[in-house]
C-alpha atoms as a PDB file:
ATOM      1  CA  UNK A   1      42.175  23.513  15.034  1.00  0.00           C
ATOM      2  CA  UNK A   2      40.198  26.678  14.405  1.00  0.00           C
ATOM      3  CA  UNK A   3      37.066  27.291  16.430  1.00  0.00           C
ATOM      4  CA  UNK A   4      34.908  30.032  14.958  1.00  0.00           C
ATOM      5  CA  UNK A   5      32.461  32.168  16.938  1.00  0.00           C
ATOM      6  CA  UNK A   6      28.862  30.954  16.695  1.00  0.00           C
ATOM      7  CA  UNK A   7      26.218  33.592  15.975  1.00  0.00           C
ATOM      8  CA  UNK A   8      23.534  33.873  18.637  1.00  0.00           C
ATOM      9  CA  UNK A   9      19.872  34.450  17.798  1.00  0.00           C
ATOM     10  CA  UNK A  10      18.392  36.989  17.204  1.00  0.00           C
ATOM     11  CA  UNK A  11      20.989  37.684  14.526  1.00  0.00           C
ATOM     12  CA  UNK A  12      19.695  38.751  11.077  1.00  0.00           C
ATOM     13  CA  UNK A  13      22.103  36.459   9.165  1.00  0.00           C
ATOM     14  CA  UNK A  14      20.469  33.412  10.776  1.00  0.00           C
ATOM     15  CA  UNK A  15      17.202  34.270   9.000  1.00  0.00           C
ATOM     16  CA  UNK A  16      18.692  34.631   5.497  1.00  0.00           C
ATOM     17  CA  UNK A  17      18.683  32.005   2.729  1.00  0.00           C
ATOM     18  CA  UNK A  18      22.170  30.716   1.917  1.00  0.00           C
ATOM     19  CA  UNK A  19      23.691  30.623  -1.572  1.00  0.00           C
ATOM     20  CA  UNK A  20      24.552  27.387  -3.383  1.00  0.00           C
ATOM     21  CA  UNK A  21      28.173  26.278  -3.572  1.00  0.00           C
ATOM     22  CA  UNK A  22      29.339  26.049  -7.203  1.00  0.00           C
ATOM     23  CA  UNK A  23      32.826  24.617  -6.618  1.00  0.00           C
ATOM     24  CA  UNK A  24      34.320  23.077  -3.481  1.00  0.00           C
ATOM     25  CA  UNK A  25      37.605  25.012  -3.288  1.00  0.00           C
ATOM     26  CA  UNK A  26      40.347  25.156  -0.636  1.00  0.00           C
ATOM     27  CA  UNK A  27      38.648  28.063   1.141  1.00  0.00           C
ATOM     28  CA  UNK A  28      35.432  26.038   1.539  1.00  0.00           C
ATOM     29  CA  UNK A  29      37.368  22.932   2.625  1.00  0.00           C
ATOM     30  CA  UNK A  30      39.004  25.050   5.350  1.00  0.00           C
ATOM     31  CA  UNK A  31      35.573  26.399   6.353  1.00  0.00           C
ATOM     32  CA  UNK A  32      34.229  22.820   6.609  1.00  0.00           C
ATOM     33  CA  UNK A  33      37.196  21.794   8.780  1.00  0.00           C
ATOM     34  CA  UNK A  34      36.748  24.860  11.012  1.00  0.00           C
ATOM     35  CA  UNK A  35      33.029  24.106  11.296  1.00  0.00           C
ATOM     36  CA  UNK A  36      33.726  20.542  12.462  1.00  0.00           C
ATOM     37  CA  UNK A  37      36.212  21.880  15.040  1.00  0.00           C
ATOM     38  CA  UNK A  38      33.623  24.453  16.159  1.00  0.00           C
ATOM     39  CA  UNK A  39      30.818  21.856  16.367  1.00  0.00           C
ATOM     40  CA  UNK A  40      32.913  19.413  18.426  1.00  0.00           C
ATOM     41  CA  UNK A  41      34.167  22.210  20.694  1.00  0.00           C
ATOM     42  CA  UNK A  42      30.642  23.543  21.386  1.00  0.00           C
ATOM     43  CA  UNK A  43      29.778  20.553  21.755  1.00  0.00           C
ATOM     44  CA  UNK A  44      27.052  19.845  19.216  1.00  0.00           C
ATOM     45  CA  UNK A  45      25.952  17.247  16.664  1.00  0.00           C
ATOM     46  CA  UNK A  46      25.456  19.614  13.721  1.00  0.00           C
ATOM     47  CA  UNK A  47      26.400  23.073  12.484  1.00  0.00           C
ATOM     48  CA  UNK A  48      25.406  25.106   9.423  1.00  0.00           C
ATOM     49  CA  UNK A  49      27.625  27.708   7.739  1.00  0.00           C
ATOM     50  CA  UNK A  50      25.186  30.590   8.523  1.00  0.00           C
ATOM     51  CA  UNK A  51      25.789  29.900  12.225  1.00  0.00           C
ATOM     52  CA  UNK A  52      29.402  31.000  11.749  1.00  0.00           C
ATOM     53  CA  UNK A  53      28.370  33.955   9.589  1.00  0.00           C
ATOM     54  CA  UNK A  54      28.886  32.383   6.134  1.00  0.00           C
ATOM     55  CA  UNK A  55      25.787  32.324   3.919  1.00  0.00           C
ATOM     56  CA  UNK A  56      26.782  29.247   1.891  1.00  0.00           C
ATOM     57  CA  UNK A  57      24.898  25.941   1.625  1.00  0.00           C
ATOM     58  CA  UNK A  58      27.221  23.875   3.827  1.00  0.00           C
ATOM     59  CA  UNK A  59      26.454  21.779   6.898  1.00  0.00           C
ATOM     60  CA  UNK A  60      28.490  19.436   9.083  1.00  0.00           C
ATOM     61  CA  UNK A  61      27.114  16.594  11.202  1.00  0.00           C
ATOM     62  CA  UNK A  62      28.253  13.921  13.610  1.00  0.00           C
ATOM     63  CA  UNK A  63      25.425  12.315  15.557  1.00  0.00           C
ATOM     64  CA  UNK A  64      27.541   9.572  17.171  1.00  0.00           C
ATOM     65  CA  UNK A  65      26.997  10.100  20.897  1.00  0.00           C
ATOM     66  CA  UNK A  66      27.914   6.710  22.393  1.00  0.00           C
ATOM     67  CA  UNK A  67      30.888   6.837  24.752  1.00  0.00           C
ATOM     68  CA  UNK A  68      33.993   5.412  23.073  1.00  0.00           C
ATOM     69  CA  UNK A  69      32.358   5.142  19.620  1.00  0.00           C
ATOM     70  CA  UNK A  70      34.365   6.389  16.642  1.00  0.00           C
ATOM     71  CA  UNK A  71      33.255   9.799  15.355  1.00  0.00           C
ATOM     72  CA  UNK A  72      31.495   9.883  11.981  1.00  0.00           C
ATOM     73  CA  UNK A  73      31.941  13.459  10.747  1.00  0.00           C
ATOM     74  CA  UNK A  74      30.005  14.370   7.614  1.00  0.00           C
ATOM     75  CA  UNK A  75      30.431  17.432   5.404  1.00  0.00           C
ATOM     76  CA  UNK A  76      27.512  18.194   3.082  1.00  0.00           C
ATOM     77  CA  UNK A  77      27.573  20.927   0.423  1.00  0.00           C
ATOM     78  CA  UNK A  78      24.228  21.884  -1.158  1.00  0.00           C
ATOM     79  CA  UNK A  79      22.263  19.266   0.820  1.00  0.00           C
ATOM     80  CA  UNK A  80      18.718  18.771  -0.392  1.00  0.00           C
ATOM     81  CA  UNK A  81      15.923  16.569   0.965  1.00  0.00           C
ATOM     82  CA  UNK A  82      14.567  14.557  -1.986  1.00  0.00           C
ATOM     83  CA  UNK A  83      12.229  12.257  -0.028  1.00  0.00           C
ATOM     84  CA  UNK A  84      10.646  12.241   3.408  1.00  0.00           C
ATOM     85  CA  UNK A  85       8.660   9.572   5.212  1.00  0.00           C
ATOM     86  CA  UNK A  86       5.032  10.067   6.142  1.00  0.00           C
ATOM     87  CA  UNK A  87       5.908   8.726   9.604  1.00  0.00           C
ATOM     88  CA  UNK A  88       6.923  11.487  12.020  1.00  0.00           C
ATOM     89  CA  UNK A  89       9.270  11.594  15.006  1.00  0.00           C
ATOM     90  CA  UNK A  90       9.399  14.092  17.846  1.00  0.00           C
ATOM     91  CA  UNK A  91      12.794  15.035  19.277  1.00  0.00           C
ATOM     92  CA  UNK A  92      13.710  17.614  21.856  1.00  0.00           C
ATOM     93  CA  UNK A  93      15.858  19.934  19.756  1.00  0.00           C
ATOM     94  CA  UNK A  94      18.393  22.512  20.751  1.00  0.00           C
ATOM     95  CA  UNK A  95      20.640  24.767  18.714  1.00  0.00           C
ATOM     96  CA  UNK A  96      24.146  26.140  19.168  1.00  0.00           C
ATOM     97  CA  UNK A  97      22.786  29.539  18.057  1.00  0.00           C
ATOM     98  CA  UNK A  98      20.022  29.357  20.696  1.00  0.00           C
ATOM     99  CA  UNK A  99      22.015  28.110  23.705  1.00  0.00           C
ATOM    100  CA  UNK A 100      20.350  26.300  26.592  1.00  0.00           C
ATOM    101  CA  UNK A 101      16.887  26.410  24.994  1.00  0.00           C
ATOM    102  CA  UNK A 102      15.141  23.187  24.025  1.00  0.00           C
ATOM    103  CA  UNK A 103      11.758  22.254  22.613  1.00  0.00           C
ATOM    104  CA  UNK A 104      10.049  19.267  21.051  1.00  0.00           C
ATOM    105  CA  UNK A 105       9.846  19.477  17.271  1.00  0.00           C
ATOM    106  CA  UNK A 106       8.018  17.066  14.983  1.00  0.00           C
ATOM    107  CA  UNK A 107       9.756  16.158  11.717  1.00  0.00           C
ATOM    108  CA  UNK A 108       9.686  13.285   9.215  1.00  0.00           C
ATOM    109  CA  UNK A 109      11.178  10.153  10.820  1.00  0.00           C
ATOM    110  CA  UNK A 110      13.292   9.420   7.733  1.00  0.00           C
ATOM    111  CA  UNK A 111      14.620  11.568   4.902  1.00  0.00           C
ATOM    112  CA  UNK A 112      16.698  10.937   1.809  1.00  0.00           C
ATOM    113  CA  UNK A 113      19.237  13.671   1.141  1.00  0.00           C
ATOM    114  CA  UNK A 114      21.411  14.446  -1.891  1.00  0.00           C
ATOM    115  CA  UNK A 115      24.643  16.427  -1.428  1.00  0.00           C
ATOM    116  CA  UNK A 116      28.166  17.057  -2.672  1.00  0.00           C
ATOM    117  CA  UNK A 117      31.045  15.957  -0.432  1.00  0.00           C
ATOM    118  CA  UNK A 118      34.306  17.766   0.310  1.00  0.00           C
ATOM    119  CA  UNK A 119      35.972  16.139  -2.742  1.00  0.00           C
ATOM    120  CA  UNK A 120      33.157  17.219  -5.074  1.00  0.00           C
ATOM    121  CA  UNK A 121      31.534  13.767  -5.354  1.00  0.00           C
ATOM    122  CA  UNK A 122      27.732  13.457  -5.402  1.00  0.00           C
ATOM    123  CA  UNK A 123      25.962  11.385  -2.720  1.00  0.00           C
ATOM    124  CA  UNK A 124      22.494  10.283  -1.749  1.00  0.00           C
ATOM    125  CA  UNK A 125      21.608   8.586   1.537  1.00  0.00           C
ATOM    126  CA  UNK A 126      18.620   7.968   3.764  1.00  0.00           C
ATOM    127  CA  UNK A 127      18.869   9.186   7.342  1.00  0.00           C
ATOM    128  CA  UNK A 128      16.802   8.064  10.331  1.00  0.00           C
ATOM    129  CA  UNK A 129      16.570   8.657  14.087  1.00  0.00           C
ATOM    130  CA  UNK A 130      18.777  11.484  15.412  1.00  0.00           C
ATOM    131  CA  UNK A 131      20.614  11.725  12.064  1.00  0.00           C
ATOM    132  CA  UNK A 132      17.310  12.504  10.273  1.00  0.00           C
ATOM    133  CA  UNK A 133      16.368  15.177  12.799  1.00  0.00           C
ATOM    134  CA  UNK A 134      19.841  16.719  12.705  1.00  0.00           C
ATOM    135  CA  UNK A 135      20.168  16.858   8.911  1.00  0.00           C
ATOM    136  CA  UNK A 136      16.711  18.468   8.617  1.00  0.00           C
ATOM    137  CA  UNK A 137      17.518  20.972  11.397  1.00  0.00           C
ATOM    138  CA  UNK A 138      20.775  21.988   9.665  1.00  0.00           C
ATOM    139  CA  UNK A 139      19.226  22.215   6.185  1.00  0.00           C
ATOM    140  CA  UNK A 140      16.571  24.482   7.727  1.00  0.00           C
ATOM    141  CA  UNK A 141      19.404  26.829   8.776  1.00  0.00           C
ATOM    142  CA  UNK A 142      20.401  27.121   5.106  1.00  0.00           C
ATOM    143  CA  UNK A 143      16.862  28.313   4.365  1.00  0.00           C
ATOM    144  CA  UNK A 144      16.837  30.855   7.206  1.00  0.00           C
ATOM    145  CA  UNK A 145      14.621  28.699   9.407  1.00  0.00           C
ATOM    146  CA  UNK A 146      15.273  27.884  13.076  1.00  0.00           C
ATOM    147  CA  UNK A 147      13.782  25.142  15.237  1.00  0.00           C
ATOM    148  CA  UNK A 148      11.863  27.775  17.205  1.00  0.00           C
ATOM    149  CA  UNK A 149       9.960  28.622  13.999  1.00  0.00           C
ATOM    150  CA  UNK A 150       8.105  25.314  14.506  1.00  0.00           C
ATOM    151  CA  UNK A 151       6.894  26.361  17.964  1.00  0.00           C
ATOM    152  CA  UNK A 152       3.713  28.120  18.996  1.00  0.00           C
ATOM    153  CA  UNK A 153       4.080  31.931  19.011  1.00  0.00           C
ATOM    154  CA  UNK A 154       4.103  32.334  22.799  1.00  0.00           C
ATOM    155  CA  UNK A 155       6.893  29.779  23.324  1.00  0.00           C
ATOM    156  CA  UNK A 156       8.873  31.289  20.424  1.00  0.00           C
ATOM    157  CA  UNK A 157       8.513  34.797  21.923  1.00  0.00           C
ATOM    158  CA  UNK A 158       9.663  33.563  25.353  1.00  0.00           C
ATOM    159  CA  UNK A 159      12.798  31.999  23.865  1.00  0.00           C
ATOM    160  CA  UNK A 160      13.471  35.091  21.732  1.00  0.00           C
ATOM    161  CA  UNK A 161      13.286  37.336  24.798  1.00  0.00           C
ATOM    162  CA  UNK A 162      15.700  35.044  26.649  1.00  0.00           C
ATOM    163  CA  UNK A 163      18.124  35.140  23.728  1.00  0.00           C
ATOM    164  CA  UNK A 164      18.022  38.958  23.563  1.00  0.00           C
ATOM    165  CA  UNK A 165      18.971  38.973  27.255  1.00  0.00           C
ATOM    166  CA  UNK A 166      21.769  36.405  26.713  1.00  0.00           C
ATOM    167  CA  UNK A 167      23.186  38.463  23.829  1.00  0.00           C
ATOM    168  CA  UNK A 168      23.153  41.623  25.973  1.00  0.00           C
ATOM    169  CA  UNK A 169      24.927  39.827  28.817  1.00  0.00           C
ATOM    170  CA  UNK A 170      27.566  38.351  26.478  1.00  0.00           C
ATOM    171  CA  UNK A 171      28.175  41.764  24.903  1.00  0.00           C
ATOM    172  CA  UNK A 172      29.056  43.124  28.367  1.00  0.00           C
ATOM    173  CA  UNK A 173      31.612  40.366  29.024  1.00  0.00           C
END
C-alpha cells in the first residue's frame, strides 16, 4: 500500500490541463493502485492524478458509502463525458485538495462517460446520483477546474484565503 501526498490548493499544478494517456503501462497501473490507496486513506470517494502531482488523464472513484457494503473501485483513463442530462442535481461537494471546505455545486444529474480501463479495454457507462457528481468533479480536475470555480467570487476568495493559511500552517509542521 502506497499513500501519496495530496496537493493542497492553491497549487499551480491543480489548475493545469492533464495530458491524455496513450498506453496503460505498468507505471500507470502502479499510479492507479497508489491513487486508490491514497483515496481510501484520505478518506475520499474520488481522486484525480493531478491531485498527486501527475498531469495525466487518470481518475479513481469509489462512491460506495454504506456500512458493510463491498467497495466498487473504478480506474478510468482518459474519461470523457459524452452525454449529460438536462436535469440538474445539487450536492454539497468537498475535495481532498481543499480540505474541510464544502459548498453546494449544481451539475447534470446523469452523465454518460467513455474511458479506458486498467487493462486497456474501452468502456461507456451512465452514472447518476453521487457517482455522477463524483465523476464530473474528478474529470474537472483533469481540465484544471476545481469545485470552487463554480462558486460566486466572494465565496471562492474566502476558501482560497483559508487554503493559503492551511498550507502555511502545514509547511511549519
